[in-house]
Amino acid sequence: MDNQGTGVLLCSAYFAPVQYYTKLISYSHVTIEFCESYLKQTYRNRTVILAANGPLQLTIPIVDGPRAKGPIRDQLLSYDYPWQQMHWRGISSAYNNSPFFEYYADDFAPFFQKKQWKYLIDFNDEIQQAVLRSIDFDVPVQHTEDYIPAGKVPLSMDDFRYAIHPKSHKQLEDSNFSPTPYIQVFHEKWGFVPNLSILDLLFNEGPETIGVLRSCVR
């Protein structure tokens, strides 16, 4: 898929991967899909970090779990078990020795300490805003008020809602994205693992994050 429009249509995502953030910085207008049917096992409620034992998926539980269905805007966060504590423990363990963990930790720790969010999309939206502030990047972000079928997406807008996926067999080819290697905490053990959560890039590269993202755009 090629970047052709001036705007981009993306799904809601939980600490989205590097590829997702290259789209956020590459377009003058960003629209996040709030009205699609909720899709399980996607970046909408999961992120992938690099831990000592390799890539680690962190998944947000949704009320109704595997039976959850309906518009993503209606999906409720479940606090039935302490997933926030578990996620932050995993993130801290993975990145405590990274160059910039302490610098950014206070920006993201509240997302794992407070239970003020009711809906998944609101939680993801505030996380995205926090990440964009951390990389000092500002872009107009809008949300859909009605679902936009694939065949009715404006020509001025590139649709990546279903192209960026944690499962390789569902990931669509993206000729405008080529991961730029950077030093990761466990690089001596695993080599470079591409397209992890934006947290991996941010904690390892800090202020250079925006430069790395731009270098990934072809």
C-alpha atoms as a PDB file:
ATOM      1  CA  MET A   1       0.000   0.000   0.000  1.00  0.00           C
ATOM      2  CA  ASP A   2       1.371   3.432  -0.966  1.00  0.00           C
ATOM      3  CA  ASN A   3       0.933   6.779   0.738  1.00  0.00           C
ATOM      4  CA  GLN A   4      -1.021   8.883  -1.759  1.00  0.00           C
ATOM      5  CA  GLY A   5      -3.390  11.142   0.170  1.00  0.00           C
ATOM      6  CA  THR A   6      -2.906  14.151   2.416  1.00  0.00           C
ATOM      7  CA  GLY A   7      -4.852  12.522   5.235  1.00  0.00           C
ATOM      8  CA  VAL A   8      -4.751   9.113   6.899  1.00  0.00           C
ATOM      9  CA  LEU A   9      -7.430   6.908   8.471  1.00  0.00           C
ATOM     10  CA  LEU A  10      -6.202   4.773  11.372  1.00  0.00           C
ATOM     11  CA  CYS A  11      -7.730   2.509  13.985  1.00  0.00           C
ATOM     12  CA  SER A  12      -7.605   3.246  17.687  1.00  0.00           C
ATOM     13  CA  ALA A  13      -4.516   1.592  19.188  1.00  0.00           C
ATOM     14  CA  TYR A  14      -2.899   0.864  22.554  1.00  0.00           C
ATOM     15  CA  PHE A  15       0.705   2.159  22.491  1.00  0.00           C
ATOM     16  CA  ALA A  16       0.720   1.534  18.757  1.00  0.00           C
ATOM     17  CA  PRO A  17       3.764   0.158  16.895  1.00  0.00           C
ATOM     18  CA  VAL A  18       6.411   2.219  15.146  1.00  0.00           C
ATOM     19  CA  GLN A  19       4.750   1.760  11.736  1.00  0.00           C
ATOM     20  CA  TYR A  20       1.540   3.340  13.053  1.00  0.00           C
ATOM     21  CA  TYR A  21       3.430   6.387  14.321  1.00  0.00           C
ATOM     22  CA  THR A  22       5.179   6.858  10.974  1.00  0.00           C
ATOM     23  CA  LYS A  23       1.685   7.465   9.588  1.00  0.00           C
ATOM     24  CA  LEU A  24       0.861   9.960  12.304  1.00  0.00           C
ATOM     25  CA  ILE A  25       3.893  12.077  11.414  1.00  0.00           C
ATOM     26  CA  SER A  26       3.549  11.704   7.623  1.00  0.00           C
ATOM     27  CA  TYR A  27       0.135  13.246   7.034  1.00  0.00           C
ATOM     28  CA  SER A  28      -1.268  16.722   7.566  1.00  0.00           C
ATOM     29  CA  HIS A  29      -4.580  15.320   8.824  1.00  0.00           C
ATOM     30  CA  VAL A  30      -5.215  12.217  10.927  1.00  0.00           C
ATOM     31  CA  THR A  31      -8.593  10.551  11.477  1.00  0.00           C
ATOM     32  CA  ILE A  32      -9.084   7.782  14.038  1.00  0.00           C
ATOM     33  CA  GLU A  33     -11.893   5.290  13.404  1.00  0.00           C
ATOM     34  CA  PHE A  34     -14.275   5.342  16.390  1.00  0.00           C
ATOM     35  CA  CYS A  35     -17.277   3.665  14.753  1.00  0.00           C
ATOM     36  CA  GLU A  36     -15.991   0.393  13.317  1.00  0.00           C
ATOM     37  CA  SER A  37     -16.989  -2.988  14.712  1.00  0.00           C
ATOM     38  CA  TYR A  38     -14.555  -4.003  17.421  1.00  0.00           C
ATOM     39  CA  LEU A  39     -11.861  -6.408  16.215  1.00  0.00           C
ATOM     40  CA  LYS A  40     -10.190  -8.766  18.664  1.00  0.00           C
ATOM     41  CA  GLN A  41      -6.497  -9.703  18.693  1.00  0.00           C
ATOM     42  CA  THR A  42      -5.367  -6.448  17.092  1.00  0.00           C
ATOM     43  CA  TYR A  43      -3.450  -3.364  18.194  1.00  0.00           C
ATOM     44  CA  ARG A  44      -6.759  -1.875  19.300  1.00  0.00           C
ATOM     45  CA  ASN A  45      -6.252  -3.418  22.721  1.00  0.00           C
ATOM     46  CA  ARG A  46      -2.740  -4.837  22.642  1.00  0.00           C
ATOM     47  CA  THR A  47       0.850  -3.715  22.332  1.00  0.00           C
ATOM     48  CA  VAL A  48       4.121  -5.613  21.889  1.00  0.00           C
ATOM     49  CA  ILE A  49       7.282  -4.775  23.844  1.00  0.00           C
ATOM     50  CA  LEU A  50      10.685  -6.473  23.973  1.00  0.00           C
ATOM     51  CA  ALA A  51      11.322  -8.223  27.279  1.00  0.00           C
ATOM     52  CA  ALA A  52      14.210 -10.378  28.465  1.00  0.00           C
ATOM     53  CA  ASN A  53      12.499 -13.499  27.062  1.00  0.00           C
ATOM     54  CA  GLY A  54      11.654 -11.899  23.718  1.00  0.00           C
ATOM     55  CA  PRO A  55       8.632 -10.028  22.338  1.00  0.00           C
ATOM     56  CA  LEU A  56       5.891  -9.763  24.926  1.00  0.00           C
ATOM     57  CA  GLN A  57       2.253  -8.983  24.156  1.00  0.00           C
ATOM     58  CA  LEU A  58       0.331  -6.879  26.666  1.00  0.00           C
ATOM     59  CA  THR A  59      -3.423  -7.089  26.191  1.00  0.00           C
ATOM     60  CA  ILE A  60      -6.105  -4.879  27.722  1.00  0.00           C
ATOM     61  CA  PRO A  61      -9.132  -6.874  28.902  1.00  0.00           C
ATOM     62  CA  ILE A  62     -12.503  -5.726  27.617  1.00  0.00           C
ATOM     63  CA  VAL A  63     -15.832  -6.254  29.356  1.00  0.00           C
ATOM     64  CA  ASP A  64     -17.400  -9.412  27.831  1.00  0.00           C
ATOM     65  CA  GLY A  65     -13.911 -10.565  26.796  1.00  0.00           C
ATOM     66  CA  PRO A  66     -13.945 -12.952  23.804  1.00  0.00           C
ATOM     67  CA  ARG A  67     -17.679 -12.343  23.413  1.00  0.00           C
ATOM     68  CA  ALA A  68     -17.256  -8.589  23.034  1.00  0.00           C
ATOM     69  CA  LYS A  69     -18.829  -7.210  19.892  1.00  0.00           C
ATOM     70  CA  GLY A  70     -20.374  -4.039  18.564  1.00  0.00           C
ATOM     71  CA  PRO A  71     -18.799  -0.635  17.797  1.00  0.00           C
ATOM     72  CA  ILE A  72     -15.369  -0.028  19.277  1.00  0.00           C
ATOM     73  CA  ARG A  73     -16.623   3.224  20.799  1.00  0.00           C
ATOM     74  CA  ASP A  74     -18.839   1.123  23.111  1.00  0.00           C
ATOM     75  CA  GLN A  75     -16.121  -1.218  24.378  1.00  0.00           C
ATOM     76  CA  LEU A  76     -15.649  -0.901  28.138  1.00  0.00           C
ATOM     77  CA  LEU A  77     -12.347  -1.464  29.927  1.00  0.00           C
ATOM     78  CA  SER A  78     -12.478  -4.301  32.424  1.00  0.00           C
ATOM     79  CA  TYR A  79     -10.843  -3.778  35.810  1.00  0.00           C
ATOM     80  CA  ASP A  80     -11.749  -7.218  37.149  1.00  0.00           C
ATOM     81  CA  TYR A  81      -8.077  -8.065  37.543  1.00  0.00           C
ATOM     82  CA  PRO A  82      -5.035  -5.773  37.962  1.00  0.00           C
ATOM     83  CA  TRP A  83      -3.881  -5.652  34.324  1.00  0.00           C
ATOM     84  CA  GLN A  84      -2.599  -2.090  34.729  1.00  0.00           C
ATOM     85  CA  GLN A  85      -0.228  -3.161  37.473  1.00  0.00           C
ATOM     86  CA  MET A  86       0.858  -6.189  35.442  1.00  0.00           C
ATOM     87  CA  HIS A  87       1.452  -4.139  32.287  1.00  0.00           C
ATOM     88  CA  TRP A  88       3.494  -1.492  34.099  1.00  0.00           C
ATOM     89  CA  ARG A  89       5.516  -4.157  35.854  1.00  0.00           C
ATOM     90  CA  GLY A  90       6.280  -5.753  32.488  1.00  0.00           C
ATOM     91  CA  ILE A  91       7.171  -2.412  30.891  1.00  0.00           C
ATOM     92  CA  SER A  92       9.355  -1.386  33.835  1.00  0.00           C
ATOM     93  CA  SER A  93      11.163  -4.722  33.872  1.00  0.00           C
ATOM     94  CA  ALA A  94      11.790  -4.554  30.118  1.00  0.00           C
ATOM     95  CA  TYR A  95      12.953  -0.935  29.968  1.00  0.00           C
ATOM     96  CA  ASN A  96      14.296  -0.027  33.395  1.00  0.00           C
ATOM     97  CA  ASN A  97      17.817  -0.171  31.968  1.00  0.00           C
ATOM     98  CA  SER A  98      17.011   1.712  28.772  1.00  0.00           C
ATOM     99  CA  PRO A  99      18.586   5.177  28.354  1.00  0.00           C
ATOM    100  CA  PHE A 100      15.366   7.178  28.618  1.00  0.00           C
ATOM    101  CA  PHE A 101      12.995   5.135  30.778  1.00  0.00           C
ATOM    102  CA  GLU A 102      13.365   7.379  33.823  1.00  0.00           C
ATOM    103  CA  TYR A 103      12.958  10.476  31.650  1.00  0.00           C
ATOM    104  CA  TYR A 104       9.555   9.425  30.289  1.00  0.00           C
ATOM    105  CA  ALA A 105       8.235   7.079  32.991  1.00  0.00           C
ATOM    106  CA  ASP A 106       6.289   9.780  34.823  1.00  0.00           C
ATOM    107  CA  ASP A 107       4.461  10.677  31.600  1.00  0.00           C
ATOM    108  CA  PHE A 108       3.030   7.186  31.215  1.00  0.00           C
ATOM    109  CA  ALA A 109       2.829   5.747  34.737  1.00  0.00           C
ATOM    110  CA  PRO A 110      -0.590   7.384  35.418  1.00  0.00           C
ATOM    111  CA  PHE A 111      -2.168   5.246  32.690  1.00  0.00           C
ATOM    112  CA  PHE A 112      -1.347   2.240  34.839  1.00  0.00           C
ATOM    113  CA  GLN A 113      -2.265   3.729  38.198  1.00  0.00           C
ATOM    114  CA  LYS A 114      -5.653   5.373  37.678  1.00  0.00           C
ATOM    115  CA  LYS A 115      -8.994   3.831  36.795  1.00  0.00           C
ATOM    116  CA  GLN A 116     -10.583   6.992  35.431  1.00  0.00           C
ATOM    117  CA  TRP A 117     -11.139   5.616  31.927  1.00  0.00           C
ATOM    118  CA  LYS A 118     -14.370   3.858  31.106  1.00  0.00           C
ATOM    119  CA  TYR A 119     -13.966   3.264  27.378  1.00  0.00           C
ATOM    120  CA  LEU A 120     -11.071   1.716  25.455  1.00  0.00           C
ATOM    121  CA  ILE A 121     -11.080   4.445  22.794  1.00  0.00           C
ATOM    122  CA  ASP A 122     -10.729   7.207  25.400  1.00  0.00           C
ATOM    123  CA  PHE A 123      -7.851   5.384  27.074  1.00  0.00           C
ATOM    124  CA  ASN A 124      -6.084   4.873  23.739  1.00  0.00           C
ATOM    125  CA  ASP A 125      -6.766   8.443  22.663  1.00  0.00           C
ATOM    126  CA  GLU A 126      -5.168   9.962  25.766  1.00  0.00           C
ATOM    127  CA  ILE A 127      -2.175   7.639  25.417  1.00  0.00           C
ATOM    128  CA  GLN A 128      -1.694   8.772  21.823  1.00  0.00           C
ATOM    129  CA  GLN A 129      -1.805  12.414  22.873  1.00  0.00           C
ATOM    130  CA  ALA A 130       0.775  11.722  25.592  1.00  0.00           C
ATOM    131  CA  VAL A 131       3.104  10.031  23.099  1.00  0.00           C
ATOM    132  CA  LEU A 132       2.798  12.893  20.606  1.00  0.00           C
ATOM    133  CA  ARG A 133       3.642  15.367  23.380  1.00  0.00           C
ATOM    134  CA  SER A 134       6.663  13.254  24.330  1.00  0.00           C
ATOM    135  CA  ILE A 135       8.051  13.364  20.801  1.00  0.00           C
ATOM    136  CA  ASP A 136       7.125  17.054  20.538  1.00  0.00           C
ATOM    137  CA  PHE A 137       4.942  16.550  17.482  1.00  0.00           C
ATOM    138  CA  ASP A 138       1.603  18.203  16.810  1.00  0.00           C
ATOM    139  CA  VAL A 139      -0.875  17.049  14.174  1.00  0.00           C
ATOM    140  CA  PRO A 140      -4.641  17.624  13.898  1.00  0.00           C
ATOM    141  CA  VAL A 141      -6.425  14.435  14.992  1.00  0.00           C
ATOM    142  CA  GLN A 142     -10.124  13.897  14.349  1.00  0.00           C
ATOM    143  CA  HIS A 143     -12.465  11.021  15.128  1.00  0.00           C
ATOM    144  CA  THR A 144     -15.087   9.521  12.836  1.00  0.00           C
ATOM    145  CA  GLU A 145     -18.720  10.167  13.720  1.00  0.00           C
ATOM    146  CA  ASP A 146     -19.957   7.394  11.424  1.00  0.00           C
ATOM    147  CA  TYR A 147     -18.244   4.312  10.037  1.00  0.00           C
ATOM    148  CA  ILE A 148     -16.548   4.879   6.675  1.00  0.00           C
ATOM    149  CA  PRO A 149     -16.804   1.737   4.489  1.00  0.00           C
ATOM    150  CA  ALA A 150     -13.626   0.885   2.597  1.00  0.00           C
ATOM    151  CA  GLY A 151     -15.238   1.771  -0.724  1.00  0.00           C
ATOM    152  CA  LYS A 152     -16.240   5.219   0.493  1.00  0.00           C
ATOM    153  CA  VAL A 153     -12.961   6.435   1.944  1.00  0.00           C
ATOM    154  CA  PRO A 154     -12.143   9.789   0.272  1.00  0.00           C
ATOM    155  CA  LEU A 155      -9.342   9.699  -2.306  1.00  0.00           C
ATOM    156  CA  SER A 156      -7.492  12.296  -0.234  1.00  0.00           C
ATOM    157  CA  MET A 157      -7.269   9.828   2.665  1.00  0.00           C
ATOM    158  CA  ASP A 158      -5.111   6.691   2.912  1.00  0.00           C
ATOM    159  CA  ASP A 159      -6.785   3.887   4.856  1.00  0.00           C
ATOM    160  CA  PHE A 160      -4.529   1.921   7.224  1.00  0.00           C
ATOM    161  CA  ARG A 161      -7.234   0.776   9.664  1.00  0.00           C
ATOM    162  CA  TYR A 162      -6.719  -2.886   8.853  1.00  0.00           C
ATOM    163  CA  ALA A 163      -3.256  -2.828   7.270  1.00  0.00           C
ATOM    164  CA  ILE A 164      -1.185  -2.626  10.481  1.00  0.00           C
ATOM    165  CA  HIS A 165      -1.686  -5.867  12.375  1.00  0.00           C
ATOM    166  CA  PRO A 166       0.219  -7.809  15.086  1.00  0.00           C
ATOM    167  CA  LYS A 167      -0.246 -11.075  13.175  1.00  0.00           C
ATOM    168  CA  SER A 168       2.172 -11.246  10.245  1.00  0.00           C
ATOM    169  CA  HIS A 169      -0.230 -13.120   7.961  1.00  0.00           C
ATOM    170  CA  LYS A 170      -2.759 -10.302   8.345  1.00  0.00           C
ATOM    171  CA  GLN A 171      -0.258  -7.476   7.972  1.00  0.00           C
ATOM    172  CA  LEU A 172      -0.578  -5.815   4.562  1.00  0.00           C
ATOM    173  CA  GLU A 173       2.452  -4.799   2.534  1.00  0.00           C
ATOM    174  CA  ASP A 174       3.470  -1.189   3.125  1.00  0.00           C
ATOM    175  CA  SER A 175       6.018   0.070   0.593  1.00  0.00           C
ATOM    176  CA  ASN A 176       6.348   3.358   2.474  1.00  0.00           C
ATOM    177  CA  PHE A 177       7.570   1.782   5.704  1.00  0.00           C
ATOM    178  CA  SER A 178      11.014   0.289   6.243  1.00  0.00           C
ATOM    179  CA  PRO A 179      12.122  -0.175   9.883  1.00  0.00           C
ATOM    180  CA  THR A 180      15.317   1.661  10.797  1.00  0.00           C
ATOM    181  CA  PRO A 181      17.393  -0.363  13.292  1.00  0.00           C
ATOM    182  CA  TYR A 182      18.244   1.210  16.644  1.00  0.00           C
ATOM    183  CA  ILE A 183      19.863  -0.206  19.768  1.00  0.00           C
ATOM    184  CA  GLN A 184      17.368  -2.041  21.964  1.00  0.00           C
ATOM    185  CA  VAL A 185      17.872  -3.151  25.569  1.00  0.00           C
ATOM    186  CA  PHE A 186      18.175  -6.844  24.685  1.00  0.00           C
ATOM    187  CA  HIS A 187      19.798  -6.444  21.265  1.00  0.00           C
ATOM    188  CA  GLU A 188      22.732  -8.707  22.167  1.00  0.00           C
ATOM    189  CA  LYS A 189      20.291 -11.535  22.876  1.00  0.00           C
ATOM    190  CA  TRP A 190      17.633 -11.003  20.212  1.00  0.00           C
ATOM    191  CA  GLY A 191      19.185  -8.758  17.599  1.00  0.00           C
ATOM    192  CA  PHE A 192      17.011  -5.949  16.281  1.00  0.00           C
ATOM    193  CA  VAL A 193      13.281  -6.672  16.617  1.00  0.00           C
ATOM    194  CA  PRO A 194      11.376  -4.280  14.314  1.00  0.00           C
ATOM    195  CA  ASN A 195       8.039  -2.533  14.664  1.00  0.00           C
ATOM    196  CA  LEU A 196       7.512  -2.902  18.370  1.00  0.00           C
ATOM    197  CA  SER A 197       5.439  -0.558  20.516  1.00  0.00           C
ATOM    198  CA  ILE A 198       6.328   3.120  20.277  1.00  0.00           C
ATOM    199  CA  LEU A 199       7.420   2.733  23.914  1.00  0.00           C
ATOM    200  CA  ASP A 200      10.376   0.625  22.793  1.00  0.00           C
ATOM    201  CA  LEU A 201      11.612   3.341  20.449  1.00  0.00           C
ATOM    202  CA  LEU A 202      10.907   6.149  22.897  1.00  0.00           C
ATOM    203  CA  PHE A 203      12.643   4.555  25.881  1.00  0.00           C
ATOM    204  CA  ASN A 204      15.674   3.607  23.781  1.00  0.00           C
ATOM    205  CA  GLU A 205      16.054   6.700  21.598  1.00  0.00           C
ATOM    206  CA  GLY A 206      14.408   9.501  23.564  1.00  0.00           C
ATOM    207  CA  PRO A 207      14.600  12.847  21.715  1.00  0.00           C
ATOM    208  CA  GLU A 208      15.849  11.030  18.597  1.00  0.00           C
ATOM    209  CA  THR A 209      12.508   9.175  18.306  1.00  0.00           C
ATOM    210  CA  ILE A 210      11.039  11.586  15.773  1.00  0.00           C
ATOM    211  CA  GLY A 211      14.173  11.333  13.621  1.00  0.00           C
ATOM    212  CA  VAL A 212      14.034   7.535  13.662  1.00  0.00           C
ATOM    213  CA  LEU A 213      10.355   7.612  12.711  1.00  0.00           C
ATOM    214  CA  ARG A 214      11.080   9.887   9.771  1.00  0.00           C
ATOM    215  CA  SER A 215      13.921   7.642   8.636  1.00  0.00           C
ATOM    216  CA  CYS A 216      11.484   4.714   8.478  1.00  0.00           C
ATOM    217  CA  VAL A 217       9.348   6.499   5.890  1.00  0.00           C
ATOM    218  CA  ARG A 218      10.186   5.610   2.285  1.00  0.00           C
END
